Each structure stands twice: as C-alpha cells, then as structure tokens.
Amino acid sequence: MRKQVSTILFSAILLFAGIQMTSATEPAGGETTGNGVITLDKTAFIAQVFDYENNSDWSYKGNKPAILDFYADWCGPCRKLSPLLEEIQGEYGGKLQVYKVDTEKSKELAAAFGIRSLPTIVFIPMNEEPRAVLGYVPKEQLTKMITDILKVSN
C-alpha cells in the first residue's frame, strides 16, 4: 500500500513538472479579452505592431488603426481607463484595435518607447506617425481623438 501511494505521488509530481515545463517553453504572445482588447508582451508587439529591434523608421504592421495603452496594474488612472478602452473596442469592433502593454511585465518594451508617465495612450493611424497622449482621458475625448487622429467613426 505504501509503495502504491509513493508511486502515485511520484507520478503526480512528474505530471506537474511536465505541465510546468511545457508552459514555460510555449511561445509568448498576446492575450485577448472578451471584447477583443489584446494585451501584448514584447514578442507579440514585435509580431503585431512594430518590429523596433530591426527597424528604426516607424512601420505599423496592423491592418486597421489602433490604440495602444501603456499601463500598470498599480496605476489608478490606468485602472479607470481600462473599462473605457474595453467599451471602445466593443463599440468600434472591426474598425480599430485596442492593444495594452503592461509596463511592469514588459519593462524593456516600455523603456524602448521612453514611457515615463502612465497611462500613455498611443493612437496609431494607418498611414501616419503615431501620436501619444499622457494621462487619463475621458471617453468623450477618446471618441473625438479616434475620429480626428485615426479617422474612424462609430
């Protein structure tokens, strides 16, 4: 009986270790919320938005205008902005894409773009240079910026 319990326990440990090793070797990527907001890490950012490691000139990889939110979980204004961006993604659907970058988890990415104030919201039009806004922005102002900068209407 004791040998059987030891065998089961040993098997469970091996199974758990195997699961941990598998998840550690899976490629990193973006995580999508229910409304379609995509949280990016460095790998996903390079694949979906801009390969800043190999290009010095801005070249957006997306197929629709985007909003990029650099945030941190501890940031009060960031937490206030987050549900607004979820709403906007839901309202504008296929006309634009909202991306988020957690500056605590992607410090290298935040440093590469000189992010020093949170939240930093970057509006990425299709054929123009991106424009950044620092701090919390109310929904009415976000909607106006989407129309003016991204040329997208609801």
Protein backbone atom coordinates (compact mmCIF):
# COMPACT_ATOMS: atom_id res chain seq x y z
CA MET A 1 0.00 0.00 0.00
CA ARG A 2 2.78 2.38 0.93
CA LYS A 3 4.61 1.61 -2.34
CA GLN A 4 1.41 2.27 -4.30
CA VAL A 5 0.91 5.69 -2.64
CA SER A 6 4.56 6.57 -3.31
CA THR A 7 4.19 5.59 -6.97
CA ILE A 8 1.03 7.70 -7.37
CA LEU A 9 2.66 10.66 -5.63
CA PHE A 10 5.79 10.36 -7.78
CA SER A 11 3.65 10.16 -10.95
CA ALA A 12 1.71 13.26 -9.91
CA ILE A 13 4.95 15.18 -9.33
CA LEU A 14 6.27 14.16 -12.77
CA LEU A 15 2.98 15.15 -14.40
CA PHE A 16 3.01 18.56 -12.67
CA ALA A 17 6.66 19.13 -13.65
CA GLY A 18 5.87 18.21 -17.25
CA ILE A 19 3.00 20.68 -17.37
CA GLN A 20 5.22 23.42 -15.95
CA MET A 21 7.99 22.70 -18.48
CA THR A 22 5.51 22.71 -21.38
CA SER A 23 4.01 26.05 -20.39
CA ALA A 24 7.48 27.56 -19.92
CA THR A 25 8.51 26.62 -23.46
CA GLU A 26 5.36 27.79 -25.22
CA PRO A 27 5.89 30.95 -27.28
CA ALA A 28 4.79 34.19 -25.66
CA GLY A 29 2.02 36.12 -27.30
CA GLY A 30 -0.93 38.39 -26.87
CA GLU A 31 -3.85 37.72 -24.55
CA THR A 32 -7.30 38.77 -25.75
CA THR A 33 -10.21 39.89 -23.56
CA GLY A 34 -13.88 39.21 -24.25
CA ASN A 35 -14.27 42.50 -26.14
CA GLY A 36 -11.17 41.90 -28.25
CA VAL A 37 -8.63 44.11 -26.44
CA ILE A 38 -5.24 42.44 -26.88
CA THR A 39 -2.60 42.58 -24.13
CA LEU A 40 0.84 42.40 -25.73
CA ASP A 41 4.20 41.26 -24.49
CA LYS A 42 7.41 42.10 -26.36
CA THR A 43 7.17 39.14 -28.76
CA ALA A 44 3.55 39.84 -29.67
CA PHE A 45 4.24 43.58 -30.00
CA ILE A 46 7.05 42.93 -32.49
CA ALA A 47 4.87 40.49 -34.46
CA GLN A 48 1.65 42.53 -34.49
CA VAL A 49 2.53 46.21 -34.11
CA PHE A 50 6.12 47.26 -34.85
CA ASP A 51 9.47 45.47 -35.01
CA TYR A 52 11.50 48.14 -33.24
CA GLU A 53 14.52 45.83 -32.93
CA ASN A 54 15.06 45.64 -36.70
CA ASN A 55 13.55 48.95 -37.90
CA SER A 56 14.35 52.50 -36.91
CA ASP A 57 11.59 54.04 -39.06
CA TRP A 58 8.01 53.55 -37.89
CA SER A 59 6.20 50.83 -39.83
CA TYR A 60 2.88 49.67 -38.36
CA LYS A 61 2.13 46.01 -39.06
CA GLY A 62 -1.61 46.11 -38.33
CA ASN A 63 -4.43 46.15 -40.86
CA LYS A 64 -6.60 48.72 -39.05
CA PRO A 65 -5.97 51.81 -36.90
CA ALA A 66 -5.09 51.10 -33.29
CA ILE A 67 -4.95 52.46 -29.78
CA LEU A 68 -2.02 51.31 -27.67
CA ASP A 69 -2.32 51.68 -23.89
CA PHE A 70 0.85 51.50 -21.79
CA TYR A 71 -0.37 50.82 -18.25
CA ALA A 72 0.41 49.26 -14.86
CA ASP A 73 -1.96 47.44 -12.51
CA TRP A 74 -0.99 49.70 -9.57
CA CYS A 75 -1.83 52.89 -11.54
CA GLY A 76 -5.18 54.41 -10.51
CA PRO A 77 -5.80 56.37 -13.74
CA CYS A 78 -4.86 53.23 -15.72
CA ARG A 79 -7.49 51.20 -13.85
CA LYS A 80 -10.04 53.93 -14.55
CA LEU A 81 -9.15 53.99 -18.27
CA SER A 82 -9.20 50.22 -18.79
CA PRO A 83 -13.01 49.74 -18.88
CA LEU A 84 -13.34 52.70 -21.26
CA LEU A 85 -10.95 51.05 -23.69
CA GLU A 86 -12.92 47.79 -23.39
CA GLU A 87 -16.11 49.75 -24.25
CA ILE A 88 -14.42 51.43 -27.21
CA GLN A 89 -13.16 48.10 -28.57
CA GLY A 90 -16.70 46.74 -28.29
CA GLU A 91 -18.29 49.78 -29.93
CA TYR A 92 -15.84 50.16 -32.81
CA GLY A 93 -15.35 46.42 -33.34
CA GLY A 94 -13.64 45.74 -36.64
CA LYS A 95 -12.81 49.39 -37.34
CA LEU A 96 -9.91 49.65 -34.88
CA GLN A 97 -7.85 47.53 -32.50
CA VAL A 98 -7.09 48.32 -28.86
CA TYR A 99 -3.79 46.95 -27.57
CA LYS A 100 -2.45 47.10 -24.00
CA VAL A 101 1.11 46.77 -22.72
CA ASP A 102 1.69 46.10 -19.01
CA THR A 103 4.79 48.17 -18.27
CA GLU A 104 5.59 46.08 -15.19
CA LYS A 105 5.74 42.86 -17.22
CA SER A 106 7.24 44.41 -20.37
CA LYS A 107 9.81 46.81 -18.93
CA GLU A 108 12.11 46.52 -21.95
CA LEU A 109 9.27 47.46 -24.29
CA ALA A 110 8.26 50.43 -22.13
CA ALA A 111 11.89 51.57 -21.99
CA ALA A 112 12.31 51.22 -25.76
CA PHE A 113 9.46 53.70 -26.24
CA GLY A 114 10.52 56.03 -23.44
CA ILE A 115 7.35 55.52 -21.40
CA ARG A 116 7.71 57.59 -18.23
CA SER A 117 4.10 58.55 -17.47
CA LEU A 118 1.12 56.25 -17.01
CA PRO A 119 -1.16 55.77 -18.66
CA THR A 120 0.36 56.63 -22.01
CA ILE A 121 -2.12 56.19 -24.85
CA VAL A 122 -0.71 55.96 -28.37
CA PHE A 123 -3.02 56.49 -31.34
CA ILE A 124 -1.76 54.60 -34.39
CA PRO A 125 -3.31 55.73 -37.70
CA MET A 126 -2.80 53.56 -40.78
CA ASN A 127 -0.58 55.87 -42.84
CA GLU A 128 0.72 58.46 -40.40
CA GLU A 129 3.05 58.66 -37.45
CA PRO A 130 1.58 57.61 -34.10
CA ARG A 131 0.59 60.26 -31.56
CA ALA A 132 0.81 59.84 -27.79
CA VAL A 133 -1.35 61.29 -25.03
CA LEU A 134 -0.24 61.18 -21.40
CA GLY A 135 -2.63 60.53 -18.53
CA TYR A 136 -6.27 59.61 -18.18
CA VAL A 137 -8.58 60.71 -21.00
CA PRO A 138 -12.40 60.75 -20.59
CA LYS A 139 -14.47 58.73 -23.07
CA GLU A 140 -15.81 61.79 -24.93
CA GLN A 141 -12.27 62.98 -25.58
CA LEU A 142 -11.15 59.47 -26.61
CA THR A 143 -14.01 59.31 -29.11
CA LYS A 144 -13.02 62.70 -30.56
CA MET A 145 -9.38 61.59 -30.87
CA ILE A 146 -10.45 58.38 -32.60
CA THR A 147 -12.34 60.47 -35.16
CA ASP A 148 -9.66 63.18 -35.54
CA ILE A 149 -6.45 61.14 -35.38
CA LEU A 150 -7.47 57.66 -36.51
CA LYS A 151 -10.13 58.88 -38.97
CA VAL A 152 -12.57 56.26 -37.66
CA SER A 153 -16.22 56.96 -36.90
CA ASN A 154 -18.63 54.81 -34.98
